[in-house]
């Protein structure tokens, strides 16, 4: 059984946003409860080199935190695309990730992969792969 369920709407959102942003990296938040991603948001990529890096707009993060305090789904992870790469964390991703247990979804080569940021992961010392299934919306 998969550890995480991601709504079909969230998966579709990630695919659409990545296609629209190509050749730059797209990014956003994974919102949900427990091990269920209910929504994916689309954030502005404010990185200085958006073709090869991502940085979620801080205002988007703050708004999502405020919404969660008001009872909306919490931030349980992040997503971004690798427009010319695979759905696997890069060394830059590993360097940027806090070992906070949050999910990292990466879209590359048409595939969406899911990882959890942990202190001593087997993927680049920062992530562990997480199996997932599309949820029913």
N, C-alpha and C. Protein backbone atom coordinates (compact mmCIF):
# COMPACT_ATOMS: atom_id res chain seq x y z
N UNK A 1 0.84 -1.18 0.00
CA UNK A 1 0.00 0.00 0.00
C UNK A 1 0.89 1.25 0.00
N UNK A 2 0.48 2.25 -0.73
CA UNK A 2 1.25 3.49 -0.82
C UNK A 2 1.14 4.26 0.49
N UNK A 3 2.19 4.99 0.80
CA UNK A 3 2.20 5.80 2.01
C UNK A 3 1.36 7.06 1.88
N UNK A 4 1.25 7.60 0.68
CA UNK A 4 0.62 8.90 0.46
C UNK A 4 -0.37 8.79 -0.70
N UNK A 5 -1.47 9.50 -0.56
CA UNK A 5 -2.42 9.64 -1.67
C UNK A 5 -2.40 11.10 -2.12
N UNK A 6 -2.37 11.30 -3.42
CA UNK A 6 -2.38 12.64 -4.00
C UNK A 6 -3.62 12.75 -4.87
N UNK A 7 -4.43 13.76 -4.62
CA UNK A 7 -5.66 13.92 -5.40
C UNK A 7 -5.32 14.06 -6.88
N UNK A 8 -6.23 13.58 -7.70
CA UNK A 8 -6.04 13.70 -9.16
C UNK A 8 -5.96 15.18 -9.56
N UNK A 9 -6.74 16.01 -8.88
CA UNK A 9 -6.71 17.45 -9.18
C UNK A 9 -5.33 18.03 -8.90
N UNK A 10 -4.69 17.59 -7.82
CA UNK A 10 -3.34 18.09 -7.50
C UNK A 10 -2.33 17.63 -8.55
N UNK A 11 -2.41 16.37 -8.94
CA UNK A 11 -1.50 15.85 -9.97
C UNK A 11 -1.70 16.62 -11.28
N UNK A 12 -2.94 16.82 -11.68
CA UNK A 12 -3.23 17.56 -12.91
C UNK A 12 -2.71 18.99 -12.83
N UNK A 13 -2.89 19.63 -11.68
CA UNK A 13 -2.41 21.00 -11.48
C UNK A 13 -0.90 21.09 -11.69
N UNK A 14 -0.17 20.15 -11.12
CA UNK A 14 1.29 20.14 -11.25
C UNK A 14 1.70 19.97 -12.71
N UNK A 15 1.07 19.04 -13.39
CA UNK A 15 1.40 18.82 -14.81
C UNK A 15 1.11 20.06 -15.65
N UNK A 16 -0.06 20.68 -15.43
CA UNK A 16 -0.43 21.87 -16.21
C UNK A 16 0.53 23.04 -15.93
N UNK A 17 0.85 23.24 -14.66
CA UNK A 17 1.73 24.36 -14.30
C UNK A 17 3.13 24.16 -14.88
N UNK A 18 3.63 22.94 -14.83
CA UNK A 18 4.96 22.66 -15.38
C UNK A 18 4.99 22.90 -16.89
N UNK A 19 3.94 22.48 -17.59
CA UNK A 19 3.88 22.69 -19.03
C UNK A 19 3.83 24.18 -19.35
N UNK A 20 3.07 24.94 -18.57
CA UNK A 20 2.94 26.37 -18.81
C UNK A 20 4.24 27.12 -18.53
N UNK A 21 5.01 26.67 -17.56
CA UNK A 21 6.24 27.36 -17.17
C UNK A 21 7.44 26.97 -18.03
N UNK A 22 7.36 25.85 -18.72
CA UNK A 22 8.49 25.35 -19.50
C UNK A 22 9.03 26.43 -20.41
N UNK A 23 10.32 26.70 -20.49
CA UNK A 23 11.44 25.87 -20.03
C UNK A 23 11.95 26.22 -18.63
N UNK A 24 11.17 27.01 -17.89
CA UNK A 24 11.57 27.31 -16.52
C UNK A 24 10.97 26.30 -15.56
N UNK A 25 11.53 26.23 -14.36
CA UNK A 25 10.98 25.36 -13.33
C UNK A 25 9.72 25.99 -12.77
N UNK A 26 8.70 25.16 -12.61
CA UNK A 26 7.47 25.57 -11.94
C UNK A 26 7.55 25.07 -10.50
N UNK A 27 6.77 25.69 -9.62
CA UNK A 27 6.82 25.26 -8.22
C UNK A 27 5.54 25.64 -7.50
N UNK A 28 5.37 25.03 -6.33
CA UNK A 28 4.21 25.33 -5.52
C UNK A 28 4.19 24.50 -4.26
N UNK A 29 3.05 24.48 -3.64
CA UNK A 29 2.88 23.81 -2.34
C UNK A 29 1.96 22.62 -2.48
N UNK A 30 2.17 21.65 -1.60
CA UNK A 30 1.27 20.51 -1.45
C UNK A 30 0.49 20.74 -0.16
N UNK A 31 -0.81 20.84 -0.27
CA UNK A 31 -1.66 21.11 0.89
C UNK A 31 -2.51 19.87 1.18
N UNK A 32 -2.66 19.57 2.45
CA UNK A 32 -3.48 18.42 2.80
C UNK A 32 -3.55 18.18 4.28
N UNK A 33 -3.90 16.96 4.59
CA UNK A 33 -4.01 16.52 5.98
C UNK A 33 -3.43 15.12 6.08
N UNK A 34 -2.56 14.91 7.05
CA UNK A 34 -1.95 13.60 7.22
C UNK A 34 -1.19 13.18 5.98
N UNK A 35 -1.52 12.02 5.45
CA UNK A 35 -0.84 11.47 4.28
C UNK A 35 -1.67 11.65 3.01
N UNK A 36 -2.55 12.66 2.99
CA UNK A 36 -3.38 12.89 1.83
C UNK A 36 -3.16 14.30 1.30
N UNK A 37 -2.59 14.41 0.10
CA UNK A 37 -2.44 15.70 -0.57
C UNK A 37 -3.76 16.01 -1.24
N UNK A 38 -4.40 17.08 -0.78
CA UNK A 38 -5.70 17.47 -1.30
C UNK A 38 -5.56 18.45 -2.46
N UNK A 39 -4.65 19.41 -2.31
CA UNK A 39 -4.46 20.46 -3.32
C UNK A 39 -2.98 20.67 -3.59
N UNK A 40 -2.69 21.07 -4.82
CA UNK A 40 -1.38 21.61 -5.17
C UNK A 40 -1.61 23.05 -5.57
N UNK A 41 -0.82 23.95 -5.04
CA UNK A 41 -0.93 25.36 -5.43
C UNK A 41 0.19 25.68 -6.41
N UNK A 42 0.01 26.75 -7.13
CA UNK A 42 1.04 27.22 -8.07
C UNK A 42 1.58 28.52 -7.52
N UNK A 43 2.88 28.57 -7.31
CA UNK A 43 3.54 29.77 -6.78
C UNK A 43 4.44 30.37 -7.84
N UNK A 44 4.69 31.65 -7.72
CA UNK A 44 5.69 32.27 -8.57
C UNK A 44 7.06 31.71 -8.19
N UNK A 45 7.85 31.41 -9.19
CA UNK A 45 9.23 30.97 -8.96
C UNK A 45 10.09 32.23 -8.94
N UNK A 46 10.55 32.62 -7.75
CA UNK A 46 11.30 33.86 -7.61
C UNK A 46 12.81 33.62 -7.58
N UNK A 47 13.25 32.43 -7.99
CA UNK A 47 14.69 32.13 -8.03
C UNK A 47 15.38 33.05 -9.04
N UNK A 48 16.64 33.35 -8.77
CA UNK A 48 17.40 34.20 -9.69
C UNK A 48 17.67 33.51 -11.02
N UNK A 49 17.66 32.18 -11.03
CA UNK A 49 17.88 31.39 -12.26
C UNK A 49 16.74 30.38 -12.39
N UNK A 50 15.52 30.81 -12.75
CA UNK A 50 14.37 29.91 -12.73
C UNK A 50 14.42 28.77 -13.75
N UNK A 51 15.34 28.82 -14.68
CA UNK A 51 15.48 27.71 -15.63
C UNK A 51 16.13 26.50 -14.97
N UNK A 52 16.86 26.73 -13.89
CA UNK A 52 17.58 25.61 -13.25
C UNK A 52 17.37 25.52 -11.75
N UNK A 53 16.61 26.43 -11.19
CA UNK A 53 16.36 26.44 -9.74
C UNK A 53 14.95 26.92 -9.47
N UNK A 54 14.48 26.62 -8.26
CA UNK A 54 13.18 27.16 -7.88
C UNK A 54 13.27 27.74 -6.48
N UNK A 55 12.46 28.75 -6.27
CA UNK A 55 12.26 29.34 -4.95
C UNK A 55 10.82 29.80 -4.89
N UNK A 56 10.07 29.24 -3.97
CA UNK A 56 8.65 29.57 -3.85
C UNK A 56 8.53 30.99 -3.29
N UNK A 57 7.68 31.77 -3.92
CA UNK A 57 7.44 33.14 -3.49
C UNK A 57 7.07 33.16 -2.00
N UNK A 58 7.85 33.87 -1.16
CA UNK A 58 7.57 33.90 0.27
C UNK A 58 6.15 34.37 0.61
N UNK A 59 5.58 35.27 -0.17
CA UNK A 59 4.22 35.74 0.10
C UNK A 59 3.22 34.58 -0.07
N UNK A 60 3.49 33.70 -1.01
CA UNK A 60 2.63 32.52 -1.22
C UNK A 60 2.71 31.59 -0.02
N UNK A 61 3.92 31.39 0.49
CA UNK A 61 4.10 30.55 1.68
C UNK A 61 3.36 31.14 2.89
N UNK A 62 3.52 32.43 3.11
CA UNK A 62 2.87 33.07 4.25
C UNK A 62 1.35 32.98 4.14
N UNK A 63 0.82 33.19 2.95
CA UNK A 63 -0.63 33.11 2.77
C UNK A 63 -1.14 31.70 3.08
N UNK A 64 -0.39 30.69 2.66
CA UNK A 64 -0.79 29.30 2.93
C UNK A 64 -0.73 28.98 4.42
N UNK A 65 0.29 29.49 5.10
CA UNK A 65 0.37 29.28 6.56
C UNK A 65 -0.80 29.95 7.27
N UNK A 66 -1.14 31.17 6.85
CA UNK A 66 -2.28 31.87 7.45
C UNK A 66 -3.58 31.10 7.22
N UNK A 67 -3.75 30.61 6.00
CA UNK A 67 -4.97 29.85 5.68
C UNK A 67 -5.06 28.59 6.53
N UNK A 68 -3.92 27.92 6.74
CA UNK A 68 -3.92 26.70 7.56
C UNK A 68 -4.29 27.02 9.01
N UNK A 69 -3.80 28.15 9.53
CA UNK A 69 -4.18 28.56 10.89
C UNK A 69 -5.68 28.82 10.98
N UNK A 70 -6.29 29.16 9.86
CA UNK A 70 -7.72 29.41 9.83
C UNK A 70 -8.55 28.16 9.53
N UNK A 71 -7.91 27.00 9.54
CA UNK A 71 -8.63 25.76 9.35
C UNK A 71 -8.53 25.14 7.97
N UNK A 72 -7.86 25.79 7.06
CA UNK A 72 -7.67 25.24 5.71
C UNK A 72 -6.60 24.16 5.75
N UNK A 73 -6.46 23.36 4.68
CA UNK A 73 -5.42 22.32 4.66
C UNK A 73 -4.02 22.90 4.90
N UNK A 74 -3.20 22.13 5.59
CA UNK A 74 -1.84 22.56 5.96
C UNK A 74 -0.85 22.31 4.82
N UNK A 75 0.28 23.01 4.90
CA UNK A 75 1.38 22.73 3.98
C UNK A 75 2.03 21.43 4.44
N UNK A 76 1.93 20.40 3.59
CA UNK A 76 2.57 19.13 3.93
C UNK A 76 3.74 18.84 2.99
N UNK A 77 3.97 19.76 2.06
CA UNK A 77 5.12 19.57 1.18
C UNK A 77 5.19 20.62 0.09
N UNK A 78 6.11 20.37 -0.81
CA UNK A 78 6.43 21.29 -1.90
C UNK A 78 6.49 20.49 -3.19
N UNK A 79 6.34 21.15 -4.31
CA UNK A 79 6.54 20.49 -5.59
C UNK A 79 7.29 21.43 -6.52
N UNK A 80 8.02 20.84 -7.44
CA UNK A 80 8.64 21.62 -8.50
C UNK A 80 8.92 20.72 -9.68
N UNK A 81 9.22 21.36 -10.80
CA UNK A 81 9.49 20.60 -12.03
C UNK A 81 10.96 20.66 -12.37
N UNK A 82 11.39 19.63 -13.07
CA UNK A 82 12.71 19.58 -13.69
C UNK A 82 12.46 19.56 -15.20
N UNK A 83 12.42 20.73 -15.85
CA UNK A 83 12.03 20.81 -17.25
C UNK A 83 12.91 20.00 -18.20
N UNK A 84 14.18 19.85 -17.85
CA UNK A 84 15.08 19.09 -18.73
C UNK A 84 15.69 17.90 -18.01
N UNK A 85 15.14 17.55 -16.87
CA UNK A 85 15.72 16.46 -16.08
C UNK A 85 14.68 15.43 -15.70
N UNK A 86 15.11 14.54 -14.87
CA UNK A 86 14.25 13.45 -14.42
C UNK A 86 13.55 13.82 -13.10
N UNK A 87 12.60 12.99 -12.74
CA UNK A 87 11.83 13.20 -11.51
C UNK A 87 12.59 12.62 -10.33
N UNK A 88 13.76 13.19 -10.09
CA UNK A 88 14.66 12.74 -9.04
C UNK A 88 15.33 13.96 -8.45
N UNK A 89 15.55 14.00 -7.13
CA UNK A 89 16.17 15.19 -6.54
C UNK A 89 17.57 15.46 -7.09
N UNK A 90 17.85 16.72 -7.25
CA UNK A 90 19.20 17.13 -7.64
C UNK A 90 20.02 17.43 -6.39
N UNK A 91 21.30 17.62 -6.55
CA UNK A 91 22.13 17.99 -5.41
C UNK A 91 21.70 19.35 -4.86
N UNK A 92 21.22 20.23 -5.74
CA UNK A 92 20.70 21.53 -5.29
C UNK A 92 19.46 21.34 -4.43
N UNK A 93 18.56 20.43 -4.86
CA UNK A 93 17.37 20.14 -4.06
C UNK A 93 17.78 19.66 -2.66
N UNK A 94 18.74 18.76 -2.61
CA UNK A 94 19.18 18.22 -1.32
C UNK A 94 19.77 19.31 -0.44
N UNK A 95 20.52 20.23 -1.04
CA UNK A 95 21.12 21.31 -0.26
C UNK A 95 20.06 22.29 0.26
N UNK A 96 18.97 22.47 -0.50
CA UNK A 96 17.92 23.41 -0.12
C UNK A 96 16.94 22.84 0.91
N UNK A 97 16.80 21.54 0.94
CA UNK A 97 15.74 20.91 1.73
C UNK A 97 16.08 20.86 3.22
N UNK A 98 15.14 21.30 4.04
CA UNK A 98 15.24 21.09 5.48
C UNK A 98 14.79 19.67 5.77
N UNK A 99 15.44 19.03 6.70
CA UNK A 99 15.08 17.65 7.07
C UNK A 99 13.88 17.69 8.03
N UNK A 100 12.76 18.20 7.51
CA UNK A 100 11.58 18.44 8.36
C UNK A 100 10.47 17.42 8.16
N UNK A 101 10.73 16.40 7.34
CA UNK A 101 9.73 15.37 7.12
C UNK A 101 8.68 15.73 6.09
N UNK A 102 8.78 16.92 5.51
CA UNK A 102 7.79 17.31 4.50
C UNK A 102 8.04 16.59 3.18
N UNK A 103 6.99 16.54 2.39
CA UNK A 103 7.06 15.87 1.09
C UNK A 103 7.65 16.80 0.04
N UNK A 104 8.33 16.20 -0.91
CA UNK A 104 8.84 16.90 -2.09
C UNK A 104 8.39 16.11 -3.31
N UNK A 105 7.52 16.71 -4.11
CA UNK A 105 7.11 16.10 -5.36
C UNK A 105 7.92 16.74 -6.48
N UNK A 106 8.44 15.90 -7.36
CA UNK A 106 9.26 16.39 -8.46
C UNK A 106 8.71 15.81 -9.76
N UNK A 107 8.42 16.70 -10.71
CA UNK A 107 7.94 16.29 -12.02
C UNK A 107 9.07 16.46 -13.02
N UNK A 108 9.42 15.38 -13.68
CA UNK A 108 10.44 15.42 -14.72
C UNK A 108 10.24 14.27 -15.68
N UNK A 109 10.47 14.53 -16.95
CA UNK A 109 10.31 13.48 -17.94
C UNK A 109 8.91 12.91 -17.99
N UNK A 110 7.92 13.70 -17.61
CA UNK A 110 6.54 13.26 -17.63
C UNK A 110 6.13 12.42 -16.43
N UNK A 111 7.04 12.21 -15.50
CA UNK A 111 6.79 11.38 -14.32
C UNK A 111 6.78 12.25 -13.07
N UNK A 112 5.86 11.95 -12.16
CA UNK A 112 5.82 12.62 -10.87
C UNK A 112 6.32 11.65 -9.80
N UNK A 113 7.40 12.02 -9.13
CA UNK A 113 7.96 11.21 -8.05
C UNK A 113 7.82 11.96 -6.74
N UNK A 114 7.76 11.20 -5.65
CA UNK A 114 7.55 11.79 -4.34
C UNK A 114 8.64 11.35 -3.38
N UNK A 115 9.11 12.31 -2.58
CA UNK A 115 10.18 12.06 -1.62
C UNK A 115 9.81 12.74 -0.31
N UNK A 116 10.45 12.28 0.76
CA UNK A 116 10.30 12.93 2.07
C UNK A 116 11.68 13.41 2.49
N UNK A 117 11.77 14.67 2.94
CA UNK A 117 13.04 15.24 3.39
C UNK A 117 13.31 14.79 4.83
N UNK A 118 14.41 14.08 5.01
CA UNK A 118 14.76 13.52 6.32
C UNK A 118 16.25 13.77 6.60
N UNK A 119 16.69 13.60 7.85
CA UNK A 119 18.09 13.89 8.19
C UNK A 119 19.12 13.03 7.46
N UNK A 120 18.89 11.75 7.32
CA UNK A 120 19.89 10.86 6.73
C UNK A 120 19.26 9.95 5.68
N UNK A 121 18.67 10.55 4.66
CA UNK A 121 18.00 9.77 3.63
C UNK A 121 18.96 9.03 2.72
N UNK A 122 18.45 8.01 2.08
CA UNK A 122 19.28 7.22 1.17
C UNK A 122 19.41 7.86 -0.22
N UNK A 123 18.67 8.95 -0.46
CA UNK A 123 18.79 9.69 -1.72
C UNK A 123 19.50 11.00 -1.42
N UNK A 124 20.75 11.08 -1.83
CA UNK A 124 21.58 12.27 -1.65
C UNK A 124 21.72 12.69 -0.18
N UNK A 125 21.53 11.74 0.72
CA UNK A 125 21.67 12.02 2.15
C UNK A 125 20.57 12.87 2.74
N UNK A 126 19.51 13.18 1.95
CA UNK A 126 18.48 14.10 2.42
C UNK A 126 17.05 13.60 2.20
N UNK A 127 16.85 12.68 1.26
CA UNK A 127 15.49 12.26 0.92
C UNK A 127 15.33 10.75 0.99
N UNK A 128 14.10 10.32 1.21
CA UNK A 128 13.71 8.93 0.99
C UNK A 128 12.54 8.96 0.00
N UNK A 129 12.54 8.00 -0.90
CA UNK A 129 11.44 7.89 -1.87
C UNK A 129 10.18 7.45 -1.14
N UNK A 130 9.05 8.00 -1.55
CA UNK A 130 7.76 7.70 -0.93
C UNK A 130 6.81 7.20 -2.01
N UNK A 131 6.29 5.98 -1.86
CA UNK A 131 5.30 5.53 -2.84
C UNK A 131 4.00 6.32 -2.67
N UNK A 132 3.30 6.51 -3.78
CA UNK A 132 2.05 7.24 -3.72
C UNK A 132 1.06 6.70 -4.74
N UNK A 133 -0.19 7.00 -4.49
CA UNK A 133 -1.28 6.62 -5.40
C UNK A 133 -2.14 7.85 -5.65
N UNK A 134 -2.70 7.94 -6.86
CA UNK A 134 -3.65 9.03 -7.09
C UNK A 134 -4.92 8.78 -6.28
N UNK A 135 -5.36 9.79 -5.59
CA UNK A 135 -6.57 9.66 -4.79
C UNK A 135 -7.81 9.93 -5.60
N UNK A 136 -8.92 9.65 -5.04
CA UNK A 136 -10.20 9.94 -5.67
C UNK A 136 -10.63 11.32 -5.19
N UNK A 137 -10.90 12.19 -6.13
CA UNK A 137 -11.31 13.56 -5.77
C UNK A 137 -12.76 13.61 -5.36
